[in-house]
Amino acid sequence: ADGVHFRGGNTTKLLSILRGYPELVTV
């Protein structure tokens, strides 16, 4: 992707999923 947009909703759920991708912040 050239850009990424994270839509709202349940923050706890979103963070739990995103933390499952250790390289995400770097990418």
PDB file of all heavy atoms in Angstrom:
ATOM      1  N   ALA A   1       0.823  -1.218   0.000  1.00  0.00           N
ATOM      2  CA  ALA A   1       0.000   0.000   0.000  1.00  0.00           C
ATOM      3  C   ALA A   1       0.853   1.263   0.000  1.00  0.00           C
ATOM      4  O   ALA A   1       1.953   1.289   0.546  1.00  0.00           O
ATOM      5  CB  ALA A   1      -0.917   0.001   1.220  1.00  0.00           C
ATOM      6  N   ASP A   2       0.320   2.304  -0.606  1.00  0.00           N
ATOM      7  CA  ASP A   2       0.948   3.624  -0.554  1.00  0.00           C
ATOM      8  C   ASP A   2       0.482   4.394   0.676  1.00  0.00           C
ATOM      9  O   ASP A   2       1.178   5.257   1.186  1.00  0.00           O
ATOM     10  CB  ASP A   2       0.596   4.419  -1.815  1.00  0.00           C
ATOM     11  CG  ASP A   2       1.111   3.721  -3.061  1.00  0.00           C
ATOM     12  OD1 ASP A   2       2.338   3.637  -3.216  1.00  0.00           O
ATOM     13  OD2 ASP A   2       0.280   3.247  -3.865  1.00  0.00           O
ATOM     14  N   GLY A   3      -0.725   4.091   1.120  1.00  0.00           N
ATOM     15  CA  GLY A   3      -1.292   4.712   2.303  1.00  0.00           C
ATOM     16  C   GLY A   3      -2.139   3.707   3.049  1.00  0.00           C
ATOM     17  O   GLY A   3      -2.615   2.718   2.467  1.00  0.00           O
ATOM     18  N   VAL A   4      -2.308   3.949   4.363  1.00  0.00           N
ATOM     19  CA  VAL A   4      -3.096   3.045   5.201  1.00  0.00           C
ATOM     20  C   VAL A   4      -4.000   3.885   6.085  1.00  0.00           C
ATOM     21  O   VAL A   4      -3.552   4.865   6.696  1.00  0.00           O
ATOM     22  CB  VAL A   4      -2.186   2.158   6.090  1.00  0.00           C
ATOM     23  CG1 VAL A   4      -3.024   1.207   6.943  1.00  0.00           C
ATOM     24  CG2 VAL A   4      -1.175   1.385   5.252  1.00  0.00           C
ATOM     25  N   HIS A   5      -5.282   3.500   6.142  1.00  0.00           N
ATOM     26  CA  HIS A   5      -6.242   4.181   7.018  1.00  0.00           C
ATOM     27  C   HIS A   5      -6.870   3.172   7.971  1.00  0.00           C
ATOM     28  O   HIS A   5      -7.400   2.151   7.544  1.00  0.00           O
ATOM     29  CB  HIS A   5      -7.338   4.865   6.204  1.00  0.00           C
ATOM     30  CG  HIS A   5      -8.395   5.468   7.062  1.00  0.00           C
ATOM     31  ND1 HIS A   5      -8.147   6.504   7.942  1.00  0.00           N
ATOM     32  CD2 HIS A   5      -9.707   5.162   7.219  1.00  0.00           C
ATOM     33  CE1 HIS A   5      -9.264   6.821   8.587  1.00  0.00           C
ATOM     34  NE2 HIS A   5     -10.226   6.010   8.166  1.00  0.00           N
ATOM     35  N   PHE A   6      -6.779   3.484   9.292  1.00  0.00           N
ATOM     36  CA  PHE A   6      -7.365   2.642  10.325  1.00  0.00           C
ATOM     37  C   PHE A   6      -8.683   3.262  10.765  1.00  0.00           C
ATOM     38  O   PHE A   6      -8.706   4.343  11.342  1.00  0.00           O
ATOM     39  CB  PHE A   6      -6.407   2.531  11.528  1.00  0.00           C
ATOM     40  CG  PHE A   6      -5.125   1.838  11.201  1.00  0.00           C
ATOM     41  CD1 PHE A   6      -4.025   2.552  10.761  1.00  0.00           C
ATOM     42  CD2 PHE A   6      -5.028   0.462  11.317  1.00  0.00           C
ATOM     43  CE1 PHE A   6      -2.824   1.913  10.454  1.00  0.00           C
ATOM     44  CE2 PHE A   6      -3.833  -0.192  11.001  1.00  0.00           C
ATOM     45  CZ  PHE A   6      -2.732   0.544  10.569  1.00  0.00           C
ATOM     46  N   ARG A   7      -9.759   2.557  10.525  1.00  0.00           N
ATOM     47  CA  ARG A   7     -11.103   3.025  10.866  1.00  0.00           C
ATOM     48  C   ARG A   7     -11.366   2.812  12.352  1.00  0.00           C
ATOM     49  O   ARG A   7     -10.771   1.954  12.988  1.00  0.00           O
ATOM     50  CB  ARG A   7     -12.113   2.234  10.035  1.00  0.00           C
ATOM     51  CG  ARG A   7     -13.549   2.643  10.177  1.00  0.00           C
ATOM     52  CD  ARG A   7     -13.929   3.622   9.088  1.00  0.00           C
ATOM     53  NE  ARG A   7     -15.309   4.036   9.204  1.00  0.00           N
ATOM     54  CZ  ARG A   7     -16.254   3.733   8.326  1.00  0.00           C
ATOM     55  NH1 ARG A   7     -15.979   3.010   7.281  1.00  0.00           N
ATOM     56  NH2 ARG A   7     -17.476   4.175   8.498  1.00  0.00           N
ATOM     57  N   GLY A   8     -12.309   3.562  12.909  1.00  0.00           N
ATOM     58  CA  GLY A   8     -12.638   3.486  14.322  1.00  0.00           C
ATOM     59  C   GLY A   8     -13.457   2.262  14.694  1.00  0.00           C
ATOM     60  O   GLY A   8     -13.830   1.450  13.857  1.00  0.00           O
ATOM     61  N   GLY A   9     -13.733   2.185  15.984  1.00  0.00           N
ATOM     62  CA  GLY A   9     -14.489   1.059  16.538  1.00  0.00           C
ATOM     63  C   GLY A   9     -13.954   0.734  17.918  1.00  0.00           C
ATOM     64  O   GLY A   9     -13.741   1.623  18.737  1.00  0.00           O
ATOM     65  N   ASN A  10     -13.655  -0.516  18.138  1.00  0.00           N
ATOM     66  CA  ASN A  10     -13.180  -0.986  19.435  1.00  0.00           C
ATOM     67  C   ASN A  10     -11.645  -0.914  19.484  1.00  0.00           C
ATOM     68  O   ASN A  10     -10.958  -1.691  18.829  1.00  0.00           O
ATOM     69  CB  ASN A  10     -13.653  -2.433  19.646  1.00  0.00           C
ATOM     70  CG  ASN A  10     -13.269  -2.987  20.987  1.00  0.00           C
ATOM     71  OD1 ASN A  10     -12.144  -2.842  21.443  1.00  0.00           O
ATOM     72  ND2 ASN A  10     -14.217  -3.656  21.623  1.00  0.00           N
ATOM     73  N   THR A  11     -11.133   0.019  20.280  1.00  0.00           N
ATOM     74  CA  THR A  11      -9.685   0.243  20.351  1.00  0.00           C
ATOM     75  C   THR A  11      -8.950  -0.968  20.901  1.00  0.00           C
ATOM     76  O   THR A  11      -7.888  -1.346  20.385  1.00  0.00           O
ATOM     77  CB  THR A  11      -9.370   1.482  21.211  1.00  0.00           C
ATOM     78  OG1 THR A  11     -10.103   2.593  20.698  1.00  0.00           O
ATOM     79  CG2 THR A  11      -7.887   1.801  21.206  1.00  0.00           C
ATOM     80  N   THR A  12      -9.487  -1.581  21.936  1.00  0.00           N
ATOM     81  CA  THR A  12      -8.839  -2.747  22.536  1.00  0.00           C
ATOM     82  C   THR A  12      -8.711  -3.869  21.507  1.00  0.00           C
ATOM     83  O   THR A  12      -7.657  -4.500  21.384  1.00  0.00           O
ATOM     84  CB  THR A  12      -9.619  -3.226  23.776  1.00  0.00           C
ATOM     85  OG1 THR A  12      -9.678  -2.140  24.709  1.00  0.00           O
ATOM     86  CG2 THR A  12      -8.969  -4.428  24.424  1.00  0.00           C
ATOM     87  N   LYS A  13      -9.763  -4.114  20.764  1.00  0.00           N
ATOM     88  CA  LYS A  13      -9.748  -5.140  19.718  1.00  0.00           C
ATOM     89  C   LYS A  13      -8.705  -4.799  18.655  1.00  0.00           C
ATOM     90  O   LYS A  13      -7.908  -5.651  18.257  1.00  0.00           O
ATOM     91  CB  LYS A  13     -11.136  -5.254  19.090  1.00  0.00           C
ATOM     92  CG  LYS A  13     -11.230  -6.254  17.963  1.00  0.00           C
ATOM     93  CD  LYS A  13     -12.625  -6.263  17.370  1.00  0.00           C
ATOM     94  CE  LYS A  13     -12.701  -7.198  16.172  1.00  0.00           C
ATOM     95  NZ  LYS A  13     -13.974  -7.098  15.474  1.00  0.00           N
ATOM     96  N   LEU A  14      -8.694  -3.553  18.209  1.00  0.00           N
ATOM     97  CA  LEU A  14      -7.755  -3.132  17.166  1.00  0.00           C
ATOM     98  C   LEU A  14      -6.307  -3.306  17.636  1.00  0.00           C
ATOM     99  O   LEU A  14      -5.484  -3.888  16.925  1.00  0.00           O
ATOM    100  CB  LEU A  14      -8.010  -1.677  16.772  1.00  0.00           C
ATOM    101  CG  LEU A  14      -7.045  -1.082  15.745  1.00  0.00           C
ATOM    102  CD1 LEU A  14      -7.088  -1.849  14.435  1.00  0.00           C
ATOM    103  CD2 LEU A  14      -7.380   0.396  15.519  1.00  0.00           C
ATOM    104  N   LEU A  15      -5.996  -2.804  18.814  1.00  0.00           N
ATOM    105  CA  LEU A  15      -4.622  -2.915  19.324  1.00  0.00           C
ATOM    106  C   LEU A  15      -4.202  -4.367  19.511  1.00  0.00           C
ATOM    107  O   LEU A  15      -3.059  -4.727  19.221  1.00  0.00           O
ATOM    108  CB  LEU A  15      -4.473  -2.139  20.631  1.00  0.00           C
ATOM    109  CG  LEU A  15      -4.395  -0.625  20.479  1.00  0.00           C
ATOM    110  CD1 LEU A  15      -4.510   0.066  21.830  1.00  0.00           C
ATOM    111  CD2 LEU A  15      -3.114  -0.214  19.762  1.00  0.00           C
ATOM    112  N   SER A  16      -5.107  -5.189  19.967  1.00  0.00           N
ATOM    113  CA  SER A  16      -4.799  -6.615  20.146  1.00  0.00           C
ATOM    114  C   SER A  16      -4.412  -7.248  18.813  1.00  0.00           C
ATOM    115  O   SER A  16      -3.436  -8.001  18.737  1.00  0.00           O
ATOM    116  CB  SER A  16      -6.007  -7.326  20.747  1.00  0.00           C
ATOM    117  OG  SER A  16      -5.772  -8.706  20.814  1.00  0.00           O
ATOM    118  N   ILE A  17      -5.138  -6.940  17.775  1.00  0.00           N
ATOM    119  CA  ILE A  17      -4.835  -7.495  16.451  1.00  0.00           C
ATOM    120  C   ILE A  17      -3.517  -6.923  15.931  1.00  0.00           C
ATOM    121  O   ILE A  17      -2.648  -7.666  15.465  1.00  0.00           O
ATOM    122  CB  ILE A  17      -5.986  -7.220  15.465  1.00  0.00           C
ATOM    123  CG1 ILE A  17      -7.231  -8.006  15.884  1.00  0.00           C
ATOM    124  CG2 ILE A  17      -5.569  -7.562  14.030  1.00  0.00           C
ATOM    125  CD1 ILE A  17      -8.496  -7.613  15.141  1.00  0.00           C
ATOM    126  N   LEU A  18      -3.347  -5.604  16.008  1.00  0.00           N
ATOM    127  CA  LEU A  18      -2.145  -4.974  15.451  1.00  0.00           C
ATOM    128  C   LEU A  18      -0.874  -5.426  16.164  1.00  0.00           C
ATOM    129  O   LEU A  18       0.181  -5.552  15.534  1.00  0.00           O
ATOM    130  CB  LEU A  18      -2.272  -3.449  15.510  1.00  0.00           C
ATOM    131  CG  LEU A  18      -3.385  -2.841  14.659  1.00  0.00           C
ATOM    132  CD1 LEU A  18      -3.385  -1.332  14.789  1.00  0.00           C
ATOM    133  CD2 LEU A  18      -3.286  -3.273  13.203  1.00  0.00           C
ATOM    134  N   ARG A  19      -0.963  -5.672  17.455  1.00  0.00           N
ATOM    135  CA  ARG A  19       0.222  -6.123  18.205  1.00  0.00           C
ATOM    136  C   ARG A  19       0.646  -7.543  17.823  1.00  0.00           C
ATOM    137  O   ARG A  19       1.725  -7.987  18.176  1.00  0.00           O
ATOM    138  CB  ARG A  19      -0.032  -5.995  19.701  1.00  0.00           C
ATOM    139  CG  ARG A  19      -0.010  -4.532  20.131  1.00  0.00           C
ATOM    140  CD  ARG A  19      -0.020  -4.358  21.629  1.00  0.00           C
ATOM    141  NE  ARG A  19       0.157  -2.949  21.948  1.00  0.00           N
ATOM    142  CZ  ARG A  19      -0.720  -2.210  22.603  1.00  0.00           C
ATOM    143  NH1 ARG A  19      -1.851  -2.741  23.050  1.00  0.00           N
ATOM    144  NH2 ARG A  19      -0.471  -0.942  22.836  1.00  0.00           N
ATOM    145  N   GLY A  20      -0.190  -8.226  17.080  1.00  0.00           N
ATOM    146  CA  GLY A  20       0.168  -9.554  16.587  1.00  0.00           C
ATOM    147  C   GLY A  20       1.100  -9.519  15.383  1.00  0.00           C
ATOM    148  O   GLY A  20       1.506 -10.564  14.886  1.00  0.00           O
ATOM    149  N   TYR A  21       1.443  -8.325  14.916  1.00  0.00           N
ATOM    150  CA  TYR A  21       2.335  -8.149  13.769  1.00  0.00           C
ATOM    151  C   TYR A  21       3.567  -7.369  14.233  1.00  0.00           C
ATOM    152  O   TYR A  21       3.597  -6.136  14.161  1.00  0.00           O
ATOM    153  CB  TYR A  21       1.634  -7.397  12.637  1.00  0.00           C
ATOM    154  CG  TYR A  21       0.355  -8.060  12.186  1.00  0.00           C
ATOM    155  CD1 TYR A  21      -0.881  -7.610  12.661  1.00  0.00           C
ATOM    156  CD2 TYR A  21       0.381  -9.124  11.293  1.00  0.00           C
ATOM    157  CE1 TYR A  21      -2.055  -8.218  12.253  1.00  0.00           C
ATOM    158  CE2 TYR A  21      -0.802  -9.738  10.884  1.00  0.00           C
ATOM    159  CZ  TYR A  21      -2.019  -9.276  11.367  1.00  0.00           C
ATOM    160  OH  TYR A  21      -3.178  -9.874  10.972  1.00  0.00           O
ATOM    161  N   PRO A  22       4.602  -8.060  14.725  1.00  0.00           N
ATOM    162  CA  PRO A  22       5.752  -7.381  15.337  1.00  0.00           C
ATOM    163  C   PRO A  22       6.470  -6.383  14.416  1.00  0.00           C
ATOM    164  O   PRO A  22       7.031  -5.407  14.886  1.00  0.00           O
ATOM    165  CB  PRO A  22       6.694  -8.524  15.720  1.00  0.00           C
ATOM    166  CG  PRO A  22       5.909  -9.772  15.616  1.00  0.00           C
ATOM    167  CD  PRO A  22       4.717  -9.505  14.757  1.00  0.00           C
ATOM    168  N   GLU A  23       6.452  -6.613  13.112  1.00  0.00           N
ATOM    169  CA  GLU A  23       7.151  -5.729  12.175  1.00  0.00           C
ATOM    170  C   GLU A  23       6.291  -4.560  11.686  1.00  0.00           C
ATOM    171  O   GLU A  23       6.752  -3.728  10.909  1.00  0.00           O
ATOM    172  CB  GLU A  23       7.686  -6.536  10.990  1.00  0.00           C
ATOM    173  CG  GLU A  23       6.616  -7.092  10.069  1.00  0.00           C
ATOM    174  CD  GLU A  23       5.979  -8.418  10.492  1.00  0.00           C
ATOM    175  OE1 GLU A  23       6.056  -8.817  11.664  1.00  0.00           O
ATOM    176  OE2 GLU A  23       5.372  -9.065   9.630  1.00  0.00           O
ATOM    177  N   LEU A  24       5.059  -4.458  12.148  1.00  0.00           N
ATOM    178  CA  LEU A  24       4.120  -3.464  11.633  1.00  0.00           C
ATOM    179  C   LEU A  24       4.626  -2.030  11.772  1.00  0.00           C
ATOM    180  O   LEU A  24       4.585  -1.265  10.809  1.00  0.00           O
ATOM    181  CB  LEU A  24       2.754  -3.602  12.324  1.00  0.00           C
ATOM    182  CG  LEU A  24       1.704  -2.585  11.896  1.00  0.00           C
ATOM    183  CD1 LEU A  24       1.374  -2.723  10.412  1.00  0.00           C
ATOM    184  CD2 LEU A  24       0.433  -2.761  12.734  1.00  0.00           C
ATOM    185  N   VAL A  25       5.104  -1.653  12.929  1.00  0.00           N
ATOM    186  CA  VAL A  25       5.530  -0.262  13.149  1.00  0.00           C
ATOM    187  C   VAL A  25       6.641   0.112  12.177  1.00  0.00           C
ATOM    188  O   VAL A  25       6.602   1.182  11.560  1.00  0.00           O
ATOM    189  CB  VAL A  25       5.961  -0.045  14.615  1.00  0.00           C
ATOM    190  CG1 VAL A  25       6.651   1.297  14.793  1.00  0.00           C
ATOM    191  CG2 VAL A  25       4.757  -0.148  15.542  1.00  0.00           C
ATOM    192  N   THR A  26       7.603  -0.749  11.986  1.00  0.00           N
ATOM    193  CA  THR A  26       8.708  -0.474  11.064  1.00  0.00           C
ATOM    194  C   THR A  26       8.200  -0.297   9.644  1.00  0.00           C
ATOM    195  O   THR A  26       8.597   0.640   8.937  1.00  0.00           O
ATOM    196  CB  THR A  26       9.738  -1.624  11.115  1.00  0.00           C
ATOM    197  OG1 THR A  26      10.199  -1.742  12.457  1.00  0.00           O
ATOM    198  CG2 THR A  26      10.904  -1.369  10.183  1.00  0.00           C
ATOM    199  N   VAL A  27       7.315  -1.166   9.208  1.00  0.00           N
ATOM    200  CA  VAL A  27       6.791  -1.098   7.836  1.00  0.00           C
ATOM    201  C   VAL A  27       5.914   0.143   7.649  1.00  0.00           C
ATOM    202  O   VAL A  27       5.990   0.811   6.616  1.00  0.00           O
ATOM    203  CB  VAL A  27       6.023  -2.393   7.482  1.00  0.00           C
ATOM    204  CG1 VAL A  27       5.366  -2.292   6.121  1.00  0.00           C
ATOM    205  CG2 VAL A  27       6.962  -3.588   7.526  1.00  0.00           C
TER     206      VAL A  27
END
